[in-house]
C-alpha atoms as a PDB file:
ATOM      1  CA  MET A   1       0.000   0.000   0.000  1.00  0.00           C
ATOM      2  CA  ALA A   2       1.218   3.511  -0.816  1.00  0.00           C
ATOM      3  CA  SER A   3       2.542   5.748   1.973  1.00  0.00           C
ATOM      4  CA  PHE A   4       0.123   8.543   2.869  1.00  0.00           C
ATOM      5  CA  THR A   5      -1.511  10.159   5.900  1.00  0.00           C
ATOM      6  CA  ILE A   6      -5.150  10.642   6.861  1.00  0.00           C
ATOM      7  CA  THR A   7      -5.716  13.350   9.478  1.00  0.00           C
ATOM      8  CA  PRO A   8      -9.074  14.394  11.005  1.00  0.00           C
ATOM      9  CA  LEU A   9     -10.183  17.957  10.234  1.00  0.00           C
ATOM     10  CA  THR A  10     -12.895  18.004  12.934  1.00  0.00           C
ATOM     11  CA  ALA A  11     -13.875  15.530  15.614  1.00  0.00           C
ATOM     12  CA  ARG A  12     -16.539  13.882  13.435  1.00  0.00           C
ATOM     13  CA  THR A  13     -16.533  15.216   9.881  1.00  0.00           C
ATOM     14  CA  GLY A  14     -13.772  15.473   7.320  1.00  0.00           C
ATOM     15  CA  VAL A  15     -10.238  14.144   6.941  1.00  0.00           C
ATOM     16  CA  GLU A  16      -7.208  15.452   5.090  1.00  0.00           C
ATOM     17  CA  VAL A  17      -5.349  13.042   2.800  1.00  0.00           C
ATOM     18  CA  ILE A  18      -1.699  13.887   2.086  1.00  0.00           C
ATOM     19  CA  GLY A  19       0.932  12.005   0.135  1.00  0.00           C
ATOM     20  CA  LEU A  20      -0.994  10.562  -2.817  1.00  0.00           C
ATOM     21  CA  ASP A  21      -0.752  11.588  -6.462  1.00  0.00           C
ATOM     22  CA  PHE A  22      -4.051  10.600  -8.048  1.00  0.00           C
ATOM     23  CA  THR A  23      -2.695  11.059 -11.569  1.00  0.00           C
ATOM     24  CA  GLN A  24      -0.901   7.756 -10.884  1.00  0.00           C
ATOM     25  CA  PRO A  25      -2.610   4.371 -10.461  1.00  0.00           C
ATOM     26  CA  ILE A  26      -4.009   3.739  -6.959  1.00  0.00           C
ATOM     27  CA  ASP A  27      -3.398   0.194  -5.714  1.00  0.00           C
ATOM     28  CA  THR A  28      -6.213  -1.992  -4.405  1.00  0.00           C
ATOM     29  CA  ASP A  29      -5.338  -1.706  -0.703  1.00  0.00           C
ATOM     30  CA  THR A  30      -4.989   2.074  -0.848  1.00  0.00           C
ATOM     31  CA  GLY A  31      -8.317   2.410  -2.664  1.00  0.00           C
ATOM     32  CA  ALA A  32     -10.058   0.237  -0.068  1.00  0.00           C
ATOM     33  CA  HIS A  33      -8.513   2.270   2.781  1.00  0.00           C
ATOM     34  CA  LEU A  34      -9.710   5.528   1.216  1.00  0.00           C
ATOM     35  CA  ARG A  35     -13.241   4.207   0.700  1.00  0.00           C
ATOM     36  CA  ARG A  36     -13.419   3.096   4.341  1.00  0.00           C
ATOM     37  CA  ALA A  37     -12.273   6.552   5.460  1.00  0.00           C
ATOM     38  CA  PHE A  38     -14.915   8.101   3.212  1.00  0.00           C
ATOM     39  CA  ALA A  39     -17.731   6.034   4.745  1.00  0.00           C
ATOM     40  CA  GLU A  40     -16.546   6.883   8.263  1.00  0.00           C
ATOM     41  CA  HIS A  41     -15.673  10.586   7.892  1.00  0.00           C
ATOM     42  CA  HIS A  42     -17.986  11.671   5.019  1.00  0.00           C
ATOM     43  CA  VAL A  43     -15.667  14.346   3.538  1.00  0.00           C
ATOM     44  CA  LEU A  44     -12.213  13.633   2.071  1.00  0.00           C
ATOM     45  CA  VAL A  45      -9.880  16.555   1.358  1.00  0.00           C
ATOM     46  CA  MET A  46      -7.077  15.340  -0.891  1.00  0.00           C
ATOM     47  CA  ARG A  47      -4.341  17.944  -1.058  1.00  0.00           C
ATOM     48  CA  ASP A  48      -1.811  18.922  -3.701  1.00  0.00           C
ATOM     49  CA  GLN A  49      -3.444  17.389  -6.768  1.00  0.00           C
ATOM     50  CA  ARG A  50      -2.765  18.508 -10.332  1.00  0.00           C
ATOM     51  CA  PHE A  51      -5.483  17.351 -12.721  1.00  0.00           C
ATOM     52  CA  THR A  52      -6.473  17.855 -16.304  1.00  0.00           C
ATOM     53  CA  ALA A  53     -10.192  17.225 -16.843  1.00  0.00           C
ATOM     54  CA  ASP A  54      -9.439  13.712 -18.143  1.00  0.00           C
ATOM     55  CA  GLN A  55      -7.205  12.909 -15.173  1.00  0.00           C
ATOM     56  CA  PHE A  56      -9.900  14.105 -12.772  1.00  0.00           C
ATOM     57  CA  GLU A  57     -12.467  11.850 -14.437  1.00  0.00           C
ATOM     58  CA  THR A  58     -10.119   8.861 -14.139  1.00  0.00           C
ATOM     59  CA  ALA A  59      -9.237   9.571 -10.491  1.00  0.00           C
ATOM     60  CA  ALA A  60     -12.906   9.886  -9.530  1.00  0.00           C
ATOM     61  CA  GLN A  61     -13.503   6.257 -10.431  1.00  0.00           C
ATOM     62  CA  VAL A  62     -11.373   5.102  -7.482  1.00  0.00           C
ATOM     63  CA  PHE A  63     -14.546   5.825  -5.490  1.00  0.00           C
ATOM     64  CA  GLY A  64     -17.308   4.691  -7.832  1.00  0.00           C
ATOM     65  CA  GLU A  65     -19.104   5.039 -11.151  1.00  0.00           C
ATOM     66  CA  ILE A  66     -19.703   8.519 -12.552  1.00  0.00           C
ATOM     67  CA  GLN A  67     -23.236   9.938 -12.763  1.00  0.00           C
ATOM     68  CA  LEU A  68     -23.789  12.701 -15.310  1.00  0.00           C
ATOM     69  CA  HIS A  69     -25.170  16.060 -14.225  1.00  0.00           C
ATOM     70  CA  ASP A  70     -28.761  16.930 -15.199  1.00  0.00           C
ATOM     71  CA  LYS A  71     -27.503  19.954 -17.133  1.00  0.00           C
ATOM     72  CA  ARG A  72     -25.781  17.968 -19.863  1.00  0.00           C
ATOM     73  CA  GLU A  73     -24.935  21.175 -21.725  1.00  0.00           C
ATOM     74  CA  ARG A  74     -22.857  22.486 -18.812  1.00  0.00           C
ATOM     75  CA  HIS A  75     -19.500  20.757 -19.075  1.00  0.00           C
ATOM     76  CA  VAL A  76     -15.821  21.530 -19.427  1.00  0.00           C
ATOM     77  CA  PRO A  77     -15.251  22.391 -23.118  1.00  0.00           C
ATOM     78  CA  GLY A  78     -14.143  19.273 -24.956  1.00  0.00           C
ATOM     79  CA  HIS A  79     -14.920  17.041 -21.972  1.00  0.00           C
ATOM     80  CA  PRO A  80     -18.653  16.160 -21.963  1.00  0.00           C
ATOM     81  CA  GLY A  81     -18.232  13.839 -18.981  1.00  0.00           C
ATOM     82  CA  VAL A  82     -16.860  16.546 -16.649  1.00  0.00           C
ATOM     83  CA  ASP A  83     -19.113  19.228 -15.194  1.00  0.00           C
ATOM     84  CA  TYR A  84     -17.948  22.479 -13.595  1.00  0.00           C
ATOM     85  CA  VAL A  85     -19.090  25.163 -11.169  1.00  0.00           C
ATOM     86  CA  SER A  86     -18.221  28.803 -11.569  1.00  0.00           C
ATOM     87  CA  ASN A  87     -19.351  32.326 -10.722  1.00  0.00           C
ATOM     88  CA  ASP A  88     -19.680  33.281 -14.409  1.00  0.00           C
ATOM     89  CA  GLN A  89     -23.436  32.878 -14.861  1.00  0.00           C
ATOM     90  CA  ILE A  90     -25.735  35.944 -14.694  1.00  0.00           C
ATOM     91  CA  GLU A  91     -29.503  35.679 -15.219  1.00  0.00           C
ATOM     92  CA  ASN A  92     -31.961  38.577 -15.040  1.00  0.00           C
ATOM     93  CA  GLY A  93     -29.212  40.791 -13.647  1.00  0.00           C
ATOM     94  CA  ARG A  94     -28.478  38.367 -10.797  1.00  0.00           C
ATOM     95  CA  ARG A  95     -25.298  36.357 -10.524  1.00  0.00           C
ATOM     96  CA  ILE A  96     -26.056  32.665 -10.035  1.00  0.00           C
ATOM     97  CA  ILE A  97     -23.848  31.091  -7.365  1.00  0.00           C
ATOM     98  CA  PRO A  98     -24.391  27.324  -7.616  1.00  0.00           C
ATOM     99  CA  GLY A  99     -25.170  25.739  -4.274  1.00  0.00           C
ATOM    100  CA  GLU A 100     -25.486  28.831  -2.086  1.00  0.00           C
ATOM    101  CA  THR A 101     -28.004  27.276   0.313  1.00  0.00           C
ATOM    102  CA  PHE A 102     -27.716  23.969   2.174  1.00  0.00           C
ATOM    103  CA  HIS A 103     -28.747  21.015   0.018  1.00  0.00           C
ATOM    104  CA  THR A 104     -27.801  17.557  -1.218  1.00  0.00           C
ATOM    105  CA  ASP A 105     -27.124  16.982  -4.895  1.00  0.00           C
ATOM    106  CA  HIS A 106     -29.658  15.646  -7.401  1.00  0.00           C
ATOM    107  CA  SER A 107     -32.052  14.306  -4.775  1.00  0.00           C
ATOM    108  CA  ASN A 108     -34.770  14.503  -7.466  1.00  0.00           C
ATOM    109  CA  HIS A 109     -33.377  11.252  -8.864  1.00  0.00           C
ATOM    110  CA  PRO A 110     -34.872   7.923  -7.746  1.00  0.00           C
ATOM    111  CA  ARG A 111     -31.242   6.880  -7.082  1.00  0.00           C
ATOM    112  CA  PRO A 112     -29.480  10.093  -6.055  1.00  0.00           C
ATOM    113  CA  PRO A 113     -25.696  10.319  -6.408  1.00  0.00           C
ATOM    114  CA  LYS A 114     -23.864   8.886  -3.413  1.00  0.00           C
ATOM    115  CA  ALA A 115     -21.056  11.408  -3.724  1.00  0.00           C
ATOM    116  CA  THR A 116     -20.026  14.708  -5.272  1.00  0.00           C
ATOM    117  CA  MET A 117     -16.514  16.037  -5.754  1.00  0.00           C
ATOM    118  CA  LEU A 118     -14.864  19.302  -6.705  1.00  0.00           C
ATOM    119  CA  PHE A 119     -11.343  20.089  -7.851  1.00  0.00           C
ATOM    120  CA  ALA A 120     -10.136  23.678  -7.521  1.00  0.00           C
ATOM    121  CA  VAL A 121      -8.924  25.072 -10.861  1.00  0.00           C
ATOM    122  CA  GLU A 122      -9.252  28.820 -10.176  1.00  0.00           C
ATOM    123  CA  LEU A 123      -9.970  30.378  -6.771  1.00  0.00           C
ATOM    124  CA  PRO A 124     -10.632  33.895  -5.450  1.00  0.00           C
ATOM    125  CA  SER A 125      -7.934  35.363  -3.198  1.00  0.00           C
ATOM    126  CA  SER A 126     -10.187  34.860  -0.160  1.00  0.00           C
ATOM    127  CA  GLY A 127     -13.643  33.475   0.653  1.00  0.00           C
ATOM    128  CA  GLY A 128     -15.684  31.002  -1.353  1.00  0.00           C
ATOM    129  CA  ASP A 129     -15.638  28.373   1.420  1.00  0.00           C
ATOM    130  CA  THR A 130     -17.851  25.281   1.240  1.00  0.00           C
ATOM    131  CA  GLN A 131     -19.723  24.251   4.396  1.00  0.00           C
ATOM    132  CA  TYR A 132     -20.724  20.683   5.246  1.00  0.00           C
ATOM    133  CA  VAL A 133     -23.082  19.567   8.034  1.00  0.00           C
ATOM    134  CA  ASN A 134     -23.140  16.040   9.419  1.00  0.00           C
ATOM    135  CA  MET A 135     -26.639  14.623   9.030  1.00  0.00           C
ATOM    136  CA  HIS A 136     -25.874  11.482  11.044  1.00  0.00           C
ATOM    137  CA  ASP A 137     -25.023  13.532  14.116  1.00  0.00           C
ATOM    138  CA  ALA A 138     -27.994  15.798  13.499  1.00  0.00           C
ATOM    139  CA  TYR A 139     -30.319  12.785  13.452  1.00  0.00           C
ATOM    140  CA  ASP A 140     -28.728  11.215  16.526  1.00  0.00           C
ATOM    141  CA  ASP A 141     -29.313  14.402  18.539  1.00  0.00           C
ATOM    142  CA  LEU A 142     -33.013  14.732  17.724  1.00  0.00           C
ATOM    143  CA  PRO A 143     -35.454  14.287  20.612  1.00  0.00           C
ATOM    144  CA  ALA A 144     -37.021  10.812  20.724  1.00  0.00           C
ATOM    145  CA  GLN A 145     -40.435  12.361  20.055  1.00  0.00           C
ATOM    146  CA  THR A 146     -39.198  13.963  16.825  1.00  0.00           C
ATOM    147  CA  LYS A 147     -37.549  10.742  15.678  1.00  0.00           C
ATOM    148  CA  GLN A 148     -40.824   8.925  16.236  1.00  0.00           C
ATOM    149  CA  ARG A 149     -42.736  11.606  14.316  1.00  0.00           C
ATOM    150  CA  ILE A 150     -40.536  11.498  11.214  1.00  0.00           C
ATOM    151  CA  ASP A 151     -39.919   7.751  11.130  1.00  0.00           C
ATOM    152  CA  GLY A 152     -41.499   6.415   7.954  1.00  0.00           C
ATOM    153  CA  LEU A 153     -42.265   9.826   6.420  1.00  0.00           C
ATOM    154  CA  LYS A 154     -41.346  10.309   2.773  1.00  0.00           C
ATOM    155  CA  ALA A 155     -40.774  13.486   0.769  1.00  0.00           C
ATOM    156  CA  VAL A 156     -41.285  14.185  -2.926  1.00  0.00           C
ATOM    157  CA  HIS A 157     -38.127  15.625  -4.536  1.00  0.00           C
ATOM    158  CA  VAL A 158     -38.587  17.397  -7.897  1.00  0.00           C
ATOM    159  CA  TYR A 159     -36.055  19.165 -10.136  1.00  0.00           C
ATOM    160  CA  GLN A 160     -36.847  22.525  -8.520  1.00  0.00           C
ATOM    161  CA  SER A 161     -39.417  22.854  -5.764  1.00  0.00           C
ATOM    162  CA  LYS A 162     -41.938  25.688  -5.984  1.00  0.00           C
ATOM    163  CA  TYR A 163     -40.748  26.420  -2.431  1.00  0.00           C
ATOM    164  CA  SER A 164     -37.033  26.456  -3.311  1.00  0.00           C
ATOM    165  CA  PRO A 165     -35.075  29.184  -1.499  1.00  0.00           C
ATOM    166  CA  ARG A 166     -33.104  29.986  -4.675  1.00  0.00           C
ATOM    167  CA  PRO A 167     -33.173  29.622  -8.469  1.00  0.00           C
ATOM    168  CA  LEU A 168     -31.205  26.850 -10.148  1.00  0.00           C
ATOM    169  CA  GLY A 169     -30.347  28.732 -13.316  1.00  0.00           C
ATOM    170  CA  GLN A 170     -31.362  27.851 -16.836  1.00  0.00           C
ATOM    171  CA  ILE A 171     -31.588  24.322 -18.187  1.00  0.00           C
ATOM    172  CA  THR A 172     -31.989  23.521 -21.885  1.00  0.00           C
ATOM    173  CA  GLU A 173     -35.153  21.878 -23.137  1.00  0.00           C
ATOM    174  CA  GLU A 174     -33.090  18.885 -24.239  1.00  0.00           C
ATOM    175  CA  SER A 175     -31.690  18.406 -20.729  1.00  0.00           C
ATOM    176  CA  ARG A 176     -35.106  19.008 -19.161  1.00  0.00           C
ATOM    177  CA  SER A 177     -36.619  16.294 -21.361  1.00  0.00           C
ATOM    178  CA  LYS A 178     -34.156  13.795 -19.887  1.00  0.00           C
ATOM    179  CA  LEU A 179     -34.948  14.549 -16.231  1.00  0.00           C
ATOM    180  CA  PRO A 180     -36.118  11.532 -14.232  1.00  0.00           C
ATOM    181  CA  PRO A 181     -39.531  11.343 -12.563  1.00  0.00           C
ATOM    182  CA  PRO A 182     -39.580  12.848  -9.059  1.00  0.00           C
ATOM    183  CA  GLY A 183     -37.789  10.915  -6.343  1.00  0.00           C
ATOM    184  CA  VAL A 184     -39.807   9.886  -3.285  1.00  0.00           C
ATOM    185  CA  HIS A 185     -37.364   9.438  -0.418  1.00  0.00           C
ATOM    186  CA  PRO A 186     -37.510   8.868   3.346  1.00  0.00           C
ATOM    187  CA  LEU A 187     -36.754  11.813   5.639  1.00  0.00           C
ATOM    188  CA  VAL A 188     -34.445   9.422   7.474  1.00  0.00           C
ATOM    189  CA  ARG A 189     -32.174   7.154   5.444  1.00  0.00           C
ATOM    190  CA  THR A 190     -29.720   4.470   6.530  1.00  0.00           C
ATOM    191  CA  HIS A 191     -26.215   4.576   5.094  1.00  0.00           C
ATOM    192  CA  PRO A 192     -25.540   1.304   3.230  1.00  0.00           C
ATOM    193  CA  GLU A 193     -21.867   1.175   4.274  1.00  0.00           C
ATOM    194  CA  ASN A 194     -21.582   2.624   7.786  1.00  0.00           C
ATOM    195  CA  GLY A 195     -25.070   1.563   8.919  1.00  0.00           C
ATOM    196  CA  ARG A 196     -25.896   4.922  10.527  1.00  0.00           C
ATOM    197  CA  LYS A 197     -29.173   6.775  10.132  1.00  0.00           C
ATOM    198  CA  ALA A 198     -29.148  10.308   8.718  1.00  0.00           C
ATOM    199  CA  LEU A 199     -31.623  13.067   7.955  1.00  0.00           C
ATOM    200  CA  PHE A 200     -32.133  13.374   4.192  1.00  0.00           C
ATOM    201  CA  LEU A 201     -33.210  16.936   3.419  1.00  0.00           C
ATOM    202  CA  ASN A 202     -33.063  19.328   0.483  1.00  0.00           C
ATOM    203  CA  PRO A 203     -35.340  22.410   0.492  1.00  0.00           C
ATOM    204  CA  VAL A 204     -34.334  23.184  -3.114  1.00  0.00           C
ATOM    205  CA  ARG A 205     -35.985  19.969  -4.323  1.00  0.00           C
ATOM    206  CA  MET A 206     -38.508  18.926  -1.631  1.00  0.00           C
ATOM    207  CA  GLU A 207     -42.008  19.872  -2.778  1.00  0.00           C
ATOM    208  CA  ALA A 208     -44.162  17.805  -0.454  1.00  0.00           C
ATOM    209  CA  ILE A 209     -44.208  15.278   2.359  1.00  0.00           C
ATOM    210  CA  VAL A 210     -46.496  12.386   1.509  1.00  0.00           C
ATOM    211  CA  GLY A 211     -49.729  12.504   3.532  1.00  0.00           C
ATOM    212  CA  MET A 212     -49.095  15.970   4.983  1.00  0.00           C
ATOM    213  CA  ASP A 213     -50.477  19.347   3.920  1.00  0.00           C
ATOM    214  CA  ASP A 214     -47.918  21.797   2.566  1.00  0.00           C
ATOM    215  CA  LYS A 215     -48.046  24.223   5.493  1.00  0.00           C
ATOM    216  CA  GLU A 216     -47.324  21.486   8.009  1.00  0.00           C
ATOM    217  CA  ALA A 217     -44.656  19.951   5.742  1.00  0.00           C
ATOM    218  CA  LEU A 218     -42.828  23.252   5.250  1.00  0.00           C
ATOM    219  CA  ALA A 219     -42.864  23.899   8.996  1.00  0.00           C
ATOM    220  CA  LEU A 220     -41.380  20.452   9.657  1.00  0.00           C
ATOM    221  CA  ILE A 221     -38.686  20.857   7.002  1.00  0.00           C
ATOM    222  CA  GLU A 222     -37.786  24.286   8.396  1.00  0.00           C
ATOM    223  CA  GLU A 223     -37.551  22.850  11.926  1.00  0.00           C
ATOM    224  CA  LEU A 224     -35.308  19.998  10.811  1.00  0.00           C
ATOM    225  CA  MET A 225     -33.126  22.303   8.699  1.00  0.00           C
ATOM    226  CA  ARG A 226     -32.682  24.737  11.562  1.00  0.00           C
ATOM    227  CA  HIS A 227     -31.553  21.859  13.763  1.00  0.00           C
ATOM    228  CA  ALA A 228     -29.275  20.215  11.185  1.00  0.00           C
ATOM    229  CA  THR A 229     -27.404  23.385  10.177  1.00  0.00           C
ATOM    230  CA  GLN A 230     -26.146  24.245  13.649  1.00  0.00           C
ATOM    231  CA  LYS A 231     -22.434  25.099  13.768  1.00  0.00           C
ATOM    232  CA  LYS A 232     -21.670  22.101  15.978  1.00  0.00           C
ATOM    233  CA  TYR A 233     -22.386  19.804  13.016  1.00  0.00           C
ATOM    234  CA  GLU A 234     -20.251  21.755  10.540  1.00  0.00           C
ATOM    235  CA  TYR A 235     -16.949  21.333   8.762  1.00  0.00           C
ATOM    236  CA  ARG A 236     -16.113  24.486   6.820  1.00  0.00           C
ATOM    237  CA  HIS A 237     -13.661  23.951   3.985  1.00  0.00           C
ATOM    238  CA  LYS A 238     -11.331  26.798   3.097  1.00  0.00           C
ATOM    239  CA  TRP A 239     -10.133  26.074  -0.408  1.00  0.00           C
ATOM    240  CA  ARG A 240      -6.488  25.854  -1.428  1.00  0.00           C
ATOM    241  CA  HIS A 241      -5.086  25.395  -4.929  1.00  0.00           C
ATOM    242  CA  GLY A 242      -4.705  21.682  -5.592  1.00  0.00           C
ATOM    243  CA  ASP A 243      -7.598  20.643  -3.333  1.00  0.00           C
ATOM    244  CA  TRP A 244      -9.769  17.736  -4.427  1.00  0.00           C
ATOM    245  CA  VAL A 245     -12.766  17.457  -2.080  1.00  0.00           C
ATOM    246  CA  LEU A 246     -15.105  14.469  -2.120  1.00  0.00           C
ATOM    247  CA  TRP A 247     -18.233  14.321   0.039  1.00  0.00           C
ATOM    248  CA  ASP A 248     -20.935  11.767   0.800  1.00  0.00           C
ATOM    249  CA  ASN A 249     -24.424  13.001  -0.091  1.00  0.00           C
ATOM    250  CA  ARG A 250     -25.852  10.236   2.089  1.00  0.00           C
ATOM    251  CA  SER A 251     -24.162  11.728   5.153  1.00  0.00           C
ATOM    252  CA  VAL A 252     -23.843  15.503   4.722  1.00  0.00           C
ATOM    253  CA  MET A 253     -25.536  18.555   3.253  1.00  0.00           C
ATOM    254  CA  HIS A 254     -23.361  21.299   1.807  1.00  0.00           C
ATOM    255  CA  GLN A 255     -23.520  24.904   0.684  1.00  0.00           C
ATOM    256  CA  ALA A 256     -21.320  27.361  -1.202  1.00  0.00           C
ATOM    257  CA  ASN A 257     -20.602  30.913  -0.061  1.00  0.00           C
ATOM    258  CA  PRO A 258     -20.765  34.015  -2.299  1.00  0.00           C
ATOM    259  CA  ASP A 259     -18.596  35.962   0.166  1.00  0.00           C
ATOM    260  CA  TYR A 260     -15.764  36.936  -2.177  1.00  0.00           C
ATOM    261  CA  ASP A 261     -14.882  39.542  -4.785  1.00  0.00           C
ATOM    262  CA  MET A 262     -17.010  38.634  -7.797  1.00  0.00           C
ATOM    263  CA  ARG A 263     -14.452  40.257 -10.084  1.00  0.00           C
ATOM    264  CA  GLU A 264     -12.294  37.234  -9.256  1.00  0.00           C
ATOM    265  CA  ARG A 265     -13.067  33.922 -10.905  1.00  0.00           C
ATOM    266  CA  ARG A 266     -14.011  30.785  -8.980  1.00  0.00           C
ATOM    267  CA  TYR A 267     -13.921  27.726 -11.225  1.00  0.00           C
ATOM    268  CA  LEU A 268     -13.898  24.085 -10.146  1.00  0.00           C
ATOM    269  CA  TYR A 269     -14.283  20.771 -11.951  1.00  0.00           C
ATOM    270  CA  ARG A 270     -17.218  18.760 -10.575  1.00  0.00           C
ATOM    271  CA  LEU A 271     -18.253  15.117 -10.805  1.00  0.00           C
ATOM    272  CA  MET A 272     -20.851  12.940  -9.081  1.00  0.00           C
ATOM    273  CA  LEU A 273     -20.925   9.197  -8.413  1.00  0.00           C
ATOM    274  CA  LYS A 274     -23.892   6.891  -8.872  1.00  0.00           C
ATOM    275  CA  GLY A 275     -25.764   5.956  -5.710  1.00  0.00           C
ATOM    276  CA  GLU A 276     -28.520   3.662  -4.564  1.00  0.00           C
ATOM    277  CA  THR A 277     -32.208   4.049  -3.710  1.00  0.00           C
ATOM    278  CA  PRO A 278     -32.427   5.664  -0.236  1.00  0.00           C
ATOM    279  CA  VAL A 279     -33.911   3.366   2.401  1.00  0.00           C
END
């Protein structure tokens, strides 16, 4: 097995991986060790990487099979399999900052992606952090009465909820035609690898809770979100050049921050990995 270090970034969420060059083949034992760390710590920060888009796509597959983004038109030029995020998009006079409220990616899919990853290509001189909150810990800390109330409840996740706190930006008609039917997922899911329960929330996509009127459903979602986004559950990632960050959508929510000089470019490669039906 290759020589590298894994160091916790907080007591419960996030580890830093140093000493691996993912442009080179990763041996079987190292890959298995990394995947175990991912299931346990939910966010992997792999430092000092240098990727082309093709190299990033290859490295991603150490952790699973790639799932394409819903916006098929939005990809790195010449690399249709690699998506990106940037601060370049302006619609109706408003700059679109992808991911600027807490969410989990593509929960509108019947089988949402298990993981998302970003690789920093261009960064502002300061700001632009990404925040992650641990949904296992948030579930564990709920009062027994609340756990009993939400056990068995399911939510309907659409491409963009009519109650979404933010716009998602434009999507072409071709991409829209390929969207899956809405996902219907439990509010509490069990992680298939670490066995822990977690809240599964996404106000951007959640349009209804089955069997509940909208007013009551929105109040419940707001209550759970307020609980889950407390600072005690958070790892806040401050980006460095060469960072490759991989997170588990089954374990954490995340959000971007538009707290930097918008005259500076923020551009990152992004990929997702195929997941399973939440149970």
